[in-house]
Amino acid sequence: MVEESVIVAYAMERDVYIDGTRCGTTNQLLRIPIGNHTFDLGTPATYSPKSVTKLVYGTSPATPLVITFEPEL
């Protein structure tokens, strides 16, 4: 199975959920299968956007897909 590289960026450490399953923490390199995936930071949902759905394809550890969440004010 080919794995892709993703970093979910956030101002502090939070759990990262991919397709509803906890898969790691923010600001760390995550390895996931190719495909469309939905990312969020779980509860409390004090971040924006509430979720991000992206096609993850063509990445590497040196050039990961970066998904950014911001604290909600």
N, C-alpha and C. Protein backbone atom coordinates (compact mmCIF):
# COMPACT_ATOMS: atom_id res chain seq x y z
N MET A 1 0.84 -1.18 0.00
CA MET A 1 0.00 0.00 0.00
C MET A 1 0.89 1.25 0.00
N VAL A 2 0.60 2.17 -0.88
CA VAL A 2 1.32 3.43 -0.95
C VAL A 2 0.79 4.35 0.14
N GLU A 3 1.69 4.96 0.89
CA GLU A 3 1.28 5.90 1.93
C GLU A 3 1.67 7.31 1.53
N GLU A 4 0.81 8.23 1.88
CA GLU A 4 1.03 9.65 1.63
C GLU A 4 1.40 10.34 2.94
N SER A 5 1.94 11.56 2.84
CA SER A 5 2.41 12.32 4.00
C SER A 5 1.57 13.57 4.18
N VAL A 6 1.12 13.78 5.43
CA VAL A 6 0.29 14.93 5.76
C VAL A 6 0.77 15.51 7.08
N ILE A 7 0.75 16.84 7.18
CA ILE A 7 0.93 17.52 8.45
C ILE A 7 -0.31 18.37 8.67
N VAL A 8 -0.96 18.18 9.81
CA VAL A 8 -2.10 19.01 10.19
C VAL A 8 -1.56 20.06 11.15
N ALA A 9 -1.57 21.32 10.70
CA ALA A 9 -0.96 22.41 11.46
C ALA A 9 -1.99 23.10 12.34
N TYR A 10 -1.59 23.38 13.58
CA TYR A 10 -2.43 24.10 14.54
C TYR A 10 -1.50 24.73 15.57
N ALA A 11 -1.96 25.79 16.22
CA ALA A 11 -1.13 26.57 17.14
C ALA A 11 -0.67 25.78 18.37
N MET A 12 -1.40 24.72 18.73
CA MET A 12 -1.02 23.91 19.89
C MET A 12 -1.25 22.44 19.56
N GLU A 13 -0.79 21.57 20.44
CA GLU A 13 -0.98 20.14 20.19
C GLU A 13 -2.43 19.75 20.42
N ARG A 14 -3.00 19.10 19.42
CA ARG A 14 -4.36 18.56 19.49
C ARG A 14 -4.35 17.21 18.80
N ASP A 15 -5.33 16.38 19.16
CA ASP A 15 -5.52 15.14 18.43
C ASP A 15 -5.99 15.45 17.02
N VAL A 16 -5.58 14.63 16.07
CA VAL A 16 -6.02 14.75 14.67
C VAL A 16 -6.91 13.55 14.37
N TYR A 17 -8.08 13.84 13.81
CA TYR A 17 -9.01 12.79 13.38
C TYR A 17 -9.07 12.80 11.87
N ILE A 18 -8.90 11.63 11.29
CA ILE A 18 -9.00 11.47 9.85
C ILE A 18 -10.10 10.46 9.58
N ASP A 19 -11.13 10.93 8.88
CA ASP A 19 -12.30 10.09 8.59
C ASP A 19 -12.91 9.54 9.88
N GLY A 20 -12.90 10.37 10.94
CA GLY A 20 -13.54 10.02 12.21
C GLY A 20 -12.70 9.19 13.16
N THR A 21 -11.47 8.85 12.78
CA THR A 21 -10.60 8.02 13.62
C THR A 21 -9.38 8.83 14.05
N ARG A 22 -9.05 8.77 15.35
CA ARG A 22 -7.86 9.47 15.84
C ARG A 22 -6.63 8.83 15.20
N CYS A 23 -5.80 9.68 14.56
CA CYS A 23 -4.66 9.17 13.80
C CYS A 23 -3.32 9.77 14.20
N GLY A 24 -3.31 10.64 15.21
CA GLY A 24 -2.06 11.26 15.63
C GLY A 24 -2.32 12.62 16.22
N THR A 25 -1.30 13.47 16.19
CA THR A 25 -1.42 14.81 16.76
C THR A 25 -1.01 15.86 15.73
N THR A 26 -1.41 17.08 16.00
CA THR A 26 -1.07 18.19 15.12
C THR A 26 0.44 18.39 15.06
N ASN A 27 0.87 18.98 13.97
CA ASN A 27 2.25 19.40 13.76
C ASN A 27 3.24 18.23 13.69
N GLN A 28 2.73 17.02 13.46
CA GLN A 28 3.56 15.83 13.30
C GLN A 28 3.28 15.23 11.92
N LEU A 29 4.28 14.58 11.35
CA LEU A 29 4.09 13.93 10.06
C LEU A 29 3.20 12.70 10.24
N LEU A 30 2.12 12.66 9.49
CA LEU A 30 1.19 11.53 9.52
C LEU A 30 1.27 10.81 8.17
N ARG A 31 1.18 9.50 8.20
CA ARG A 31 1.22 8.69 6.98
C ARG A 31 -0.15 8.04 6.80
N ILE A 32 -0.78 8.30 5.65
CA ILE A 32 -2.12 7.78 5.39
C ILE A 32 -2.21 7.29 3.94
N PRO A 33 -3.23 6.47 3.65
CA PRO A 33 -3.37 5.98 2.27
C PRO A 33 -3.81 7.08 1.30
N ILE A 34 -3.52 6.88 0.03
CA ILE A 34 -4.01 7.77 -1.03
C ILE A 34 -5.53 7.80 -0.97
N GLY A 35 -6.10 8.98 -1.23
CA GLY A 35 -7.55 9.07 -1.34
C GLY A 35 -8.09 10.36 -0.77
N ASN A 36 -9.41 10.49 -0.84
CA ASN A 36 -10.10 11.62 -0.23
C ASN A 36 -10.27 11.34 1.25
N HIS A 37 -9.87 12.30 2.07
CA HIS A 37 -9.96 12.14 3.52
C HIS A 37 -10.49 13.43 4.15
N THR A 38 -11.22 13.26 5.26
CA THR A 38 -11.74 14.39 6.01
C THR A 38 -10.97 14.49 7.31
N PHE A 39 -10.45 15.69 7.58
CA PHE A 39 -9.62 15.97 8.75
C PHE A 39 -10.36 16.90 9.70
N ASP A 40 -10.23 16.63 11.01
CA ASP A 40 -10.71 17.57 12.02
C ASP A 40 -9.90 17.36 13.29
N LEU A 41 -10.16 18.22 14.29
CA LEU A 41 -9.41 18.18 15.54
C LEU A 41 -10.26 17.74 16.72
N GLY A 42 -11.41 17.16 16.45
CA GLY A 42 -12.25 16.63 17.53
C GLY A 42 -12.91 17.71 18.36
N THR A 43 -13.25 17.34 19.58
CA THR A 43 -13.93 18.28 20.48
C THR A 43 -12.99 18.69 21.60
N PRO A 44 -13.15 19.91 22.12
CA PRO A 44 -14.11 20.92 21.68
C PRO A 44 -13.71 21.51 20.33
N ALA A 45 -14.70 21.85 19.55
CA ALA A 45 -14.48 22.36 18.20
C ALA A 45 -14.24 23.87 18.24
N THR A 46 -13.14 24.24 18.88
CA THR A 46 -12.77 25.65 19.04
C THR A 46 -11.75 26.06 17.99
N TYR A 47 -11.96 25.61 16.76
CA TYR A 47 -11.04 25.86 15.67
C TYR A 47 -11.85 26.05 14.39
N SER A 48 -11.16 26.59 13.40
CA SER A 48 -11.81 26.86 12.11
C SER A 48 -10.85 26.46 11.00
N PRO A 49 -11.32 25.89 9.92
CA PRO A 49 -12.68 25.40 9.70
C PRO A 49 -12.96 24.18 10.57
N LYS A 50 -14.21 23.78 10.63
CA LYS A 50 -14.61 22.63 11.47
C LYS A 50 -14.07 21.33 10.92
N SER A 51 -13.90 21.24 9.60
CA SER A 51 -13.28 20.07 8.98
C SER A 51 -12.76 20.48 7.61
N VAL A 52 -11.83 19.66 7.09
CA VAL A 52 -11.27 19.87 5.77
C VAL A 52 -11.27 18.52 5.06
N THR A 53 -11.82 18.49 3.85
CA THR A 53 -11.78 17.28 3.04
C THR A 53 -10.87 17.55 1.85
N LYS A 54 -9.87 16.68 1.67
CA LYS A 54 -8.88 16.86 0.61
C LYS A 54 -8.55 15.53 -0.03
N LEU A 55 -8.17 15.59 -1.31
CA LEU A 55 -7.58 14.44 -1.98
C LEU A 55 -6.10 14.44 -1.59
N VAL A 56 -5.65 13.35 -1.01
CA VAL A 56 -4.26 13.22 -0.59
C VAL A 56 -3.57 12.31 -1.61
N TYR A 57 -2.66 12.92 -2.38
CA TYR A 57 -2.01 12.19 -3.46
C TYR A 57 -0.74 12.93 -3.87
N GLY A 58 0.30 12.21 -4.18
CA GLY A 58 1.52 12.82 -4.71
C GLY A 58 2.38 13.51 -3.68
N THR A 59 2.31 13.09 -2.43
CA THR A 59 3.11 13.70 -1.38
C THR A 59 4.32 12.83 -1.07
N SER A 60 5.19 13.35 -0.22
CA SER A 60 6.32 12.59 0.30
C SER A 60 6.66 13.17 1.67
N PRO A 61 7.49 12.49 2.46
CA PRO A 61 7.88 13.08 3.74
C PRO A 61 8.54 14.45 3.58
N ALA A 62 9.24 14.67 2.47
CA ALA A 62 9.89 15.97 2.24
C ALA A 62 8.91 17.04 1.75
N THR A 63 7.80 16.61 1.13
CA THR A 63 6.80 17.55 0.61
C THR A 63 5.40 17.08 1.00
N PRO A 64 5.08 17.15 2.30
CA PRO A 64 3.76 16.69 2.74
C PRO A 64 2.66 17.69 2.36
N LEU A 65 1.44 17.19 2.32
CA LEU A 65 0.28 18.07 2.24
C LEU A 65 0.11 18.70 3.61
N VAL A 66 0.00 20.03 3.67
CA VAL A 66 -0.19 20.72 4.94
C VAL A 66 -1.63 21.22 5.00
N ILE A 67 -2.32 20.82 6.06
CA ILE A 67 -3.70 21.25 6.30
C ILE A 67 -3.67 22.10 7.55
N THR A 68 -4.18 23.33 7.45
CA THR A 68 -4.07 24.28 8.55
C THR A 68 -5.42 24.58 9.17
N PHE A 69 -5.48 24.50 10.48
CA PHE A 69 -6.62 24.93 11.27
C PHE A 69 -6.19 26.13 12.10
N GLU A 70 -7.11 27.05 12.35
CA GLU A 70 -6.85 28.23 13.15
C GLU A 70 -7.72 28.22 14.40
N PRO A 71 -7.21 28.75 15.53
CA PRO A 71 -8.06 28.88 16.72
C PRO A 71 -9.23 29.81 16.41
N GLU A 72 -10.39 29.46 16.93
CA GLU A 72 -11.57 30.30 16.76
C GLU A 72 -11.51 31.42 17.81
N LEU A 73 -11.78 32.62 17.39
CA LEU A 73 -11.72 33.76 18.32
C LEU A 73 -13.00 33.97 19.05
